[in-house]
Amino acid sequence: MMIGVYIGQFCVTSITWFFLTWFPTYLYQAKGMSILKVGFVASIPAIAGFIGGLLGGVFSDWLLKRGYSLTTARKLPVICGMLLSCVIVVANYTTSEVVVIAAMSLAFFAKGFGNLGWCVLSDTSPKEMLGIAGGVFNMCGNLASIITPLVIGVILANTHSFDYAILYVGSMGVLGLFSYLFIVGPLDRLTLTPRAA
């Protein structure tokens, strides 16, 4: 189960790091926006992600209060967020700046909405190992922050196009969705088996 949560964190952080590193360059080079316009619109997806993060947490807690299981309350926002974040690939098929920004904003909103990995981790990790579980969780996020900018750079160097880079980012949503659907499973607190004396 925890491996699935770690994969999910890698995927969520990969989406985040596209926006933190390559998004302004993408708008300028691939979509032909002026530097001034990039400066104005580059923050719009981040604002959407901020709102999505708040709403995802509120929705998850609302589900718990309505009597839904912990599994449903935590996994449903994550699964919906991962699925919806794949809308980023729409940007490959339009020249409309408005549609590009809307797709990117919706993808970042969805990423925020589904970013409940820490909740899942704190709900399921063995209490005696929450520190190490959190450390591995952060490590997976940090790996994504190293790998994603490099992978996108390699893709651009070899294809001279952002199309495959956007597909890579969208594939992180698919991988995260798969991980939470098929690897994470039902959410229960893991317990350590005491060693025999």
C-alpha atoms as a PDB file:
ATOM      1  CA  MET A   1       0.000   0.000   0.000  1.00  0.00           C
ATOM      2  CA  MET A   2       2.681   2.512   0.991  1.00  0.00           C
ATOM      3  CA  ILE A   3       4.546   1.978  -2.289  1.00  0.00           C
ATOM      4  CA  GLY A   4       1.424   3.143  -4.112  1.00  0.00           C
ATOM      5  CA  VAL A   5       1.271   6.272  -1.951  1.00  0.00           C
ATOM      6  CA  TYR A   6       4.938   6.962  -2.710  1.00  0.00           C
ATOM      7  CA  ILE A   7       4.359   6.542  -6.449  1.00  0.00           C
ATOM      8  CA  GLY A   8       1.414   8.920  -6.171  1.00  0.00           C
ATOM      9  CA  GLN A   9       3.610  11.510  -4.464  1.00  0.00           C
ATOM     10  CA  PHE A  10       6.198  11.204  -7.218  1.00  0.00           C
ATOM     11  CA  CYS A  11       3.479  11.795  -9.816  1.00  0.00           C
ATOM     12  CA  VAL A  12       1.877  14.778  -8.065  1.00  0.00           C
ATOM     13  CA  THR A  13       5.253  16.408  -7.534  1.00  0.00           C
ATOM     14  CA  SER A  14       6.231  15.780 -11.161  1.00  0.00           C
ATOM     15  CA  ILE A  15       3.210  17.771 -12.305  1.00  0.00           C
ATOM     16  CA  THR A  16       4.090  20.536  -9.857  1.00  0.00           C
ATOM     17  CA  TRP A  17       7.673  20.765 -11.063  1.00  0.00           C
ATOM     18  CA  PHE A  18       6.678  21.164 -14.688  1.00  0.00           C
ATOM     19  CA  PHE A  19       4.874  24.323 -13.637  1.00  0.00           C
ATOM     20  CA  LEU A  20       7.703  25.513 -11.391  1.00  0.00           C
ATOM     21  CA  THR A  21      10.460  25.029 -13.959  1.00  0.00           C
ATOM     22  CA  TRP A  22       9.297  24.802 -17.580  1.00  0.00           C
ATOM     23  CA  PHE A  23       5.852  26.420 -17.714  1.00  0.00           C
ATOM     24  CA  PRO A  24       6.960  30.023 -18.473  1.00  0.00           C
ATOM     25  CA  THR A  25       9.403  28.755 -21.109  1.00  0.00           C
ATOM     26  CA  TYR A  26       6.618  26.637 -22.594  1.00  0.00           C
ATOM     27  CA  LEU A  27       4.322  29.653 -22.904  1.00  0.00           C
ATOM     28  CA  TYR A  28       7.073  31.736 -24.505  1.00  0.00           C
ATOM     29  CA  GLN A  29       8.621  29.189 -26.871  1.00  0.00           C
ATOM     30  CA  ALA A  30       5.803  26.782 -27.716  1.00  0.00           C
ATOM     31  CA  LYS A  31       2.825  29.134 -27.607  1.00  0.00           C
ATOM     32  CA  GLY A  32       4.557  32.316 -28.747  1.00  0.00           C
ATOM     33  CA  MET A  33       3.479  34.558 -25.883  1.00  0.00           C
ATOM     34  CA  SER A  34       5.421  37.711 -25.172  1.00  0.00           C
ATOM     35  CA  ILE A  35       7.551  37.880 -22.038  1.00  0.00           C
ATOM     36  CA  LEU A  36       5.158  40.480 -20.622  1.00  0.00           C
ATOM     37  CA  LYS A  37       2.134  38.257 -21.232  1.00  0.00           C
ATOM     38  CA  VAL A  38       3.930  35.250 -19.747  1.00  0.00           C
ATOM     39  CA  GLY A  39       4.558  37.327 -16.645  1.00  0.00           C
ATOM     40  CA  PHE A  40       0.857  38.061 -16.321  1.00  0.00           C
ATOM     41  CA  VAL A  41      -0.587  34.621 -17.050  1.00  0.00           C
ATOM     42  CA  ALA A  42       2.009  32.268 -15.544  1.00  0.00           C
ATOM     43  CA  SER A  43       0.540  32.687 -12.063  1.00  0.00           C
ATOM     44  CA  ILE A  44      -3.021  31.741 -13.082  1.00  0.00           C
ATOM     45  CA  PRO A  45      -2.481  27.950 -12.844  1.00  0.00           C
ATOM     46  CA  ALA A  46      -0.754  28.406  -9.476  1.00  0.00           C
ATOM     47  CA  ILE A  47      -3.787  30.277  -8.157  1.00  0.00           C
ATOM     48  CA  ALA A  48      -5.996  27.470  -9.458  1.00  0.00           C
ATOM     49  CA  GLY A  49      -3.749  24.922  -7.722  1.00  0.00           C
ATOM     50  CA  PHE A  50      -3.992  26.874  -4.463  1.00  0.00           C
ATOM     51  CA  ILE A  51      -7.790  26.783  -4.645  1.00  0.00           C
ATOM     52  CA  GLY A  52      -7.782  23.112  -5.662  1.00  0.00           C
ATOM     53  CA  GLY A  53      -5.620  22.188  -2.690  1.00  0.00           C
ATOM     54  CA  LEU A  54      -8.025  23.809  -0.251  1.00  0.00           C
ATOM     55  CA  LEU A  55     -11.121  22.347  -1.883  1.00  0.00           C
ATOM     56  CA  GLY A  56      -9.655  18.839  -2.049  1.00  0.00           C
ATOM     57  CA  GLY A  57      -9.057  18.840   1.691  1.00  0.00           C
ATOM     58  CA  VAL A  58     -12.488  20.298   2.451  1.00  0.00           C
ATOM     59  CA  PHE A  59     -14.163  17.729   0.189  1.00  0.00           C
ATOM     60  CA  SER A  60     -12.276  14.839   1.786  1.00  0.00           C
ATOM     61  CA  ASP A  61     -13.245  15.913   5.309  1.00  0.00           C
ATOM     62  CA  TRP A  62     -16.846  16.508   4.179  1.00  0.00           C
ATOM     63  CA  LEU A  63     -17.008  12.926   2.904  1.00  0.00           C
ATOM     64  CA  LEU A  64     -15.718  11.634   6.253  1.00  0.00           C
ATOM     65  CA  LYS A  65     -18.313  13.667   8.158  1.00  0.00           C
ATOM     66  CA  ARG A  66     -21.042  12.298   5.891  1.00  0.00           C
ATOM     67  CA  GLY A  67     -20.132   8.784   6.983  1.00  0.00           C
ATOM     68  CA  TYR A  68     -18.079   7.627   4.007  1.00  0.00           C
ATOM     69  CA  SER A  69     -15.175   5.301   4.701  1.00  0.00           C
ATOM     70  CA  LEU A  70     -11.660   6.610   5.120  1.00  0.00           C
ATOM     71  CA  THR A  71     -10.764   4.888   1.849  1.00  0.00           C
ATOM     72  CA  THR A  72     -13.476   6.723  -0.088  1.00  0.00           C
ATOM     73  CA  ALA A  73     -12.914  10.062   1.628  1.00  0.00           C
ATOM     74  CA  ARG A  74      -9.182  10.117   0.943  1.00  0.00           C
ATOM     75  CA  LYS A  75      -8.884   8.251  -2.345  1.00  0.00           C
ATOM     76  CA  LEU A  76     -11.816   9.797  -4.237  1.00  0.00           C
ATOM     77  CA  PRO A  77     -10.302  13.320  -4.340  1.00  0.00           C
ATOM     78  CA  VAL A  78      -6.896  11.874  -5.265  1.00  0.00           C
ATOM     79  CA  ILE A  79      -8.311   9.727  -8.064  1.00  0.00           C
ATOM     80  CA  CYS A  80     -10.482  12.554  -9.421  1.00  0.00           C
ATOM     81  CA  GLY A  81      -7.554  14.970  -9.236  1.00  0.00           C
ATOM     82  CA  MET A  82      -5.152  12.648 -11.013  1.00  0.00           C
ATOM     83  CA  LEU A  83      -7.671  11.881 -13.740  1.00  0.00           C
ATOM     84  CA  LEU A  84      -8.537  15.530 -14.312  1.00  0.00           C
ATOM     85  CA  SER A  85      -4.875  16.608 -14.313  1.00  0.00           C
ATOM     86  CA  CYS A  86      -4.480  14.693 -17.587  1.00  0.00           C
ATOM     87  CA  VAL A  87      -6.408  17.524 -19.277  1.00  0.00           C
ATOM     88  CA  ILE A  88      -3.004  19.199 -19.613  1.00  0.00           C
ATOM     89  CA  VAL A  89      -2.527  17.339 -22.916  1.00  0.00           C
ATOM     90  CA  VAL A  90      -5.313  19.449 -24.459  1.00  0.00           C
ATOM     91  CA  ALA A  91      -2.682  22.187 -24.766  1.00  0.00           C
ATOM     92  CA  ASN A  92      -0.965  20.104 -27.473  1.00  0.00           C
ATOM     93  CA  TYR A  93      -4.005  20.339 -29.721  1.00  0.00           C
ATOM     94  CA  THR A  94      -4.885  24.025 -29.675  1.00  0.00           C
ATOM     95  CA  THR A  95      -3.359  27.335 -30.687  1.00  0.00           C
ATOM     96  CA  SER A  96      -5.781  29.331 -28.538  1.00  0.00           C
ATOM     97  CA  GLU A  97      -3.963  31.013 -25.668  1.00  0.00           C
ATOM     98  CA  VAL A  98      -7.179  31.063 -23.655  1.00  0.00           C
ATOM     99  CA  VAL A  99      -7.669  27.310 -24.055  1.00  0.00           C
ATOM    100  CA  VAL A 100      -4.012  26.646 -23.192  1.00  0.00           C
ATOM    101  CA  ILE A 101      -4.212  28.668 -19.969  1.00  0.00           C
ATOM    102  CA  ALA A 102      -7.597  27.129 -19.120  1.00  0.00           C
ATOM    103  CA  ALA A 103      -6.271  23.579 -19.638  1.00  0.00           C
ATOM    104  CA  MET A 104      -3.125  24.289 -17.632  1.00  0.00           C
ATOM    105  CA  SER A 105      -5.147  25.920 -14.852  1.00  0.00           C
ATOM    106  CA  LEU A 106      -7.595  23.031 -14.704  1.00  0.00           C
ATOM    107  CA  ALA A 107      -4.706  20.550 -14.593  1.00  0.00           C
ATOM    108  CA  PHE A 108      -3.002  22.421 -11.744  1.00  0.00           C
ATOM    109  CA  PHE A 109      -6.329  22.818  -9.907  1.00  0.00           C
ATOM    110  CA  ALA A 110      -6.848  19.063 -10.219  1.00  0.00           C
ATOM    111  CA  LYS A 111      -3.317  18.349  -9.027  1.00  0.00           C
ATOM    112  CA  GLY A 112      -4.010  20.462  -5.950  1.00  0.00           C
ATOM    113  CA  PHE A 113      -7.402  18.844  -5.391  1.00  0.00           C
ATOM    114  CA  GLY A 114      -5.835  15.396  -5.416  1.00  0.00           C
ATOM    115  CA  ASN A 115      -2.779  16.259  -3.359  1.00  0.00           C
ATOM    116  CA  LEU A 116      -3.841  14.414  -0.206  1.00  0.00           C
ATOM    117  CA  GLY A 117      -0.829  12.149   0.051  1.00  0.00           C
ATOM    118  CA  TRP A 118       0.153  13.433   3.477  1.00  0.00           C
ATOM    119  CA  CYS A 119      -3.355  12.707   4.768  1.00  0.00           C
ATOM    120  CA  VAL A 120      -3.192   9.163   3.431  1.00  0.00           C
ATOM    121  CA  LEU A 121       0.281   8.719   4.883  1.00  0.00           C
ATOM    122  CA  SER A 122      -0.709   9.943   8.348  1.00  0.00           C
ATOM    123  CA  ASP A 123      -3.889   7.833   8.309  1.00  0.00           C
ATOM    124  CA  THR A 124      -2.153   4.581   7.364  1.00  0.00           C
ATOM    125  CA  SER A 125       1.508   4.536   8.449  1.00  0.00           C
ATOM    126  CA  PRO A 126       2.484   2.550  11.528  1.00  0.00           C
ATOM    127  CA  LYS A 127       2.632   5.079  14.355  1.00  0.00           C
ATOM    128  CA  GLU A 128       6.079   3.817  15.337  1.00  0.00           C
ATOM    129  CA  MET A 129       7.394   4.517  11.824  1.00  0.00           C
ATOM    130  CA  LEU A 130       5.588   7.696  10.800  1.00  0.00           C
ATOM    131  CA  GLY A 131       8.894   9.579  10.685  1.00  0.00           C
ATOM    132  CA  ILE A 132      10.594   7.180   8.279  1.00  0.00           C
ATOM    133  CA  ALA A 133       7.397   6.836   6.228  1.00  0.00           C
ATOM    134  CA  GLY A 134       7.268  10.627   5.941  1.00  0.00           C
ATOM    135  CA  GLY A 135      10.940  10.736   5.025  1.00  0.00           C
ATOM    136  CA  VAL A 136      10.475   8.249   2.187  1.00  0.00           C
ATOM    137  CA  PHE A 137       7.365  10.162   1.068  1.00  0.00           C
ATOM    138  CA  ASN A 138       9.367  13.399   0.890  1.00  0.00           C
ATOM    139  CA  MET A 139      12.235  11.606  -0.837  1.00  0.00           C
ATOM    140  CA  CYS A 140       9.876  10.475  -3.610  1.00  0.00           C
ATOM    141  CA  GLY A 141       8.674  14.043  -4.050  1.00  0.00           C
ATOM    142  CA  ASN A 142      12.246  15.289  -4.150  1.00  0.00           C
ATOM    143  CA  LEU A 143      13.161  12.644  -6.732  1.00  0.00           C
ATOM    144  CA  ALA A 144      10.381  14.019  -8.914  1.00  0.00           C
ATOM    145  CA  SER A 145      11.762  17.534  -8.485  1.00  0.00           C
ATOM    146  CA  ILE A 146      15.129  16.287  -9.775  1.00  0.00           C
ATOM    147  CA  ILE A 147      13.915  13.968 -12.519  1.00  0.00           C
ATOM    148  CA  THR A 148      11.069  15.967 -14.080  1.00  0.00           C
ATOM    149  CA  PRO A 149      13.039  19.062 -15.168  1.00  0.00           C
ATOM    150  CA  LEU A 150      15.803  16.815 -16.525  1.00  0.00           C
ATOM    151  CA  VAL A 151      13.420  14.549 -18.439  1.00  0.00           C
ATOM    152  CA  ILE A 152      11.667  17.536 -19.983  1.00  0.00           C
ATOM    153  CA  GLY A 153      15.030  19.023 -20.938  1.00  0.00           C
ATOM    154  CA  VAL A 154      16.093  15.764 -22.599  1.00  0.00           C
ATOM    155  CA  ILE A 155      12.773  15.554 -24.445  1.00  0.00           C
ATOM    156  CA  LEU A 156      13.172  19.113 -25.727  1.00  0.00           C
ATOM    157  CA  ALA A 157      16.786  18.537 -26.751  1.00  0.00           C
ATOM    158  CA  ASN A 158      15.811  15.485 -28.782  1.00  0.00           C
ATOM    159  CA  THR A 159      12.449  16.521 -30.245  1.00  0.00           C
ATOM    160  CA  HIS A 160      12.644  20.343 -30.271  1.00  0.00           C
ATOM    161  CA  SER A 161       8.985  20.302 -29.243  1.00  0.00           C
ATOM    162  CA  PHE A 162       7.057  20.567 -26.000  1.00  0.00           C
ATOM    163  CA  ASP A 163       4.418  18.098 -27.237  1.00  0.00           C
ATOM    164  CA  TYR A 164       6.105  15.026 -25.785  1.00  0.00           C
ATOM    165  CA  ALA A 165       7.009  16.936 -22.634  1.00  0.00           C
ATOM    166  CA  ILE A 166       3.336  17.732 -22.086  1.00  0.00           C
ATOM    167  CA  LEU A 167       2.488  14.080 -22.731  1.00  0.00           C
ATOM    168  CA  TYR A 168       5.073  13.108 -20.113  1.00  0.00           C
ATOM    169  CA  VAL A 169       3.455  15.425 -17.564  1.00  0.00           C
ATOM    170  CA  GLY A 170       0.005  14.091 -18.455  1.00  0.00           C
ATOM    171  CA  SER A 171       1.273  10.534 -18.085  1.00  0.00           C
ATOM    172  CA  MET A 172       2.138  11.313 -14.465  1.00  0.00           C
ATOM    173  CA  GLY A 173      -1.573  11.831 -13.850  1.00  0.00           C
ATOM    174  CA  VAL A 174      -2.306   8.443 -15.426  1.00  0.00           C
ATOM    175  CA  LEU A 175       0.419   6.721 -13.392  1.00  0.00           C
ATOM    176  CA  GLY A 176      -0.779   8.342 -10.158  1.00  0.00           C
ATOM    177  CA  LEU A 177      -4.355   7.338 -10.938  1.00  0.00           C
ATOM    178  CA  PHE A 178      -3.267   3.745 -11.607  1.00  0.00           C
ATOM    179  CA  SER A 179      -1.254   3.695  -8.392  1.00  0.00           C
ATOM    180  CA  TYR A 180      -4.146   4.810  -6.196  1.00  0.00           C
ATOM    181  CA  LEU A 181      -6.641   2.534  -7.952  1.00  0.00           C
ATOM    182  CA  PHE A 182      -4.611  -0.670  -8.051  1.00  0.00           C
ATOM    183  CA  ILE A 183      -1.666  -0.456  -5.649  1.00  0.00           C
ATOM    184  CA  VAL A 184      -2.822   1.566  -2.641  1.00  0.00           C
ATOM    185  CA  GLY A 185      -5.934  -0.515  -1.920  1.00  0.00           C
ATOM    186  CA  PRO A 186      -8.210   0.015   1.110  1.00  0.00           C
ATOM    187  CA  LEU A 187      -6.852   2.462   3.668  1.00  0.00           C
ATOM    188  CA  ASP A 188      -6.200   0.923   7.068  1.00  0.00           C
ATOM    189  CA  ARG A 189      -3.617   1.719   9.700  1.00  0.00           C
ATOM    190  CA  LEU A 190      -0.640  -0.586   9.207  1.00  0.00           C
ATOM    191  CA  THR A 191       0.604  -2.210  12.382  1.00  0.00           C
ATOM    192  CA  LEU A 192       3.969  -3.710  13.127  1.00  0.00           C
ATOM    193  CA  THR A 193       4.090  -7.326  14.238  1.00  0.00           C
ATOM    194  CA  PRO A 194       5.876  -7.543  17.589  1.00  0.00           C
ATOM    195  CA  ARG A 195       9.030  -9.629  17.536  1.00  0.00           C
ATOM    196  CA  ALA A 196       8.974 -12.841  19.490  1.00  0.00           C
ATOM    197  CA  ALA A 197      11.144 -12.713  22.588  1.00  0.00           C
END
